[in-house]
Structure formats: structure tokens, C-alpha cells
Amino acid sequence: MSDVKMMLADEKGGMATITIPDVYQSNGVIHVVDAVLLPD
């Protein structure tokens, strides 16, 4: 976490910030991020 922003890191070292947390949908919860996160 950075102050009040939640940062996410992927397996390749890419970073993303959650811009809109907790968007409730009928089948779950979505967190909007500002970058693409890639698996290893």
C-alpha cells in the first residue's frame, strides 16, 4: 500500500493501482486497475 492507494504487482514486476475498488456485480466483485497485469 502507498498512503491510501493499493498497488498490485504481477509476476513479471509490472505494477498497477486499484482506481475503483469494490464494483459489485451479480456474479462477484470487480476491482478496476490502471494497467494490465500478466501471469508468469
Protein backbone atom coordinates (compact mmCIF):
# COMPACT_ATOMS: atom_id res chain seq x y z
CA MET A 1 0.00 0.00 0.00
CA SER A 2 1.11 3.54 -0.74
CA ASP A 3 -0.65 6.03 1.57
CA VAL A 4 -4.30 5.32 0.68
CA LYS A 5 -3.69 3.69 -2.74
CA MET A 6 -3.46 -0.08 -3.12
CA MET A 7 -0.72 -1.20 -5.52
CA LEU A 8 -0.65 -4.64 -7.17
CA ALA A 9 2.38 -6.37 -8.68
CA ASP A 10 2.34 -9.14 -11.27
CA GLU A 11 4.85 -12.00 -11.67
CA LYS A 12 6.93 -10.03 -14.19
CA GLY A 13 7.32 -6.97 -11.95
CA GLY A 14 4.59 -4.84 -13.53
CA MET A 15 2.70 -2.51 -11.18
CA ALA A 16 -0.93 -1.38 -11.20
CA THR A 17 -3.02 0.83 -8.92
CA ILE A 18 -6.60 0.00 -7.99
CA THR A 19 -8.53 3.03 -9.28
CA ILE A 20 -12.08 1.89 -8.45
CA PRO A 21 -12.41 -0.71 -5.68
CA ASP A 22 -15.42 -2.91 -4.96
CA VAL A 23 -17.68 -2.71 -8.03
CA TYR A 24 -20.40 -5.19 -7.05
CA GLN A 25 -21.83 -7.32 -9.88
CA SER A 26 -24.32 -10.20 -9.88
CA ASN A 27 -21.55 -12.81 -10.08
CA GLY A 28 -18.86 -11.21 -7.88
CA VAL A 29 -16.81 -8.11 -7.18
CA ILE A 30 -14.62 -6.21 -9.67
CA HIS A 31 -11.61 -4.01 -8.86
CA VAL A 32 -10.68 -1.60 -11.69
CA VAL A 33 -6.91 -1.22 -12.19
CA ASP A 34 -4.94 1.25 -14.33
CA ALA A 35 -2.63 -1.27 -16.03
CA VAL A 36 -2.58 -4.80 -17.43
CA LEU A 37 -1.25 -7.46 -15.06
CA LEU A 38 0.32 -10.56 -16.64
CA PRO A 39 0.85 -14.02 -15.15
CA ASP A 40 4.21 -15.73 -15.34
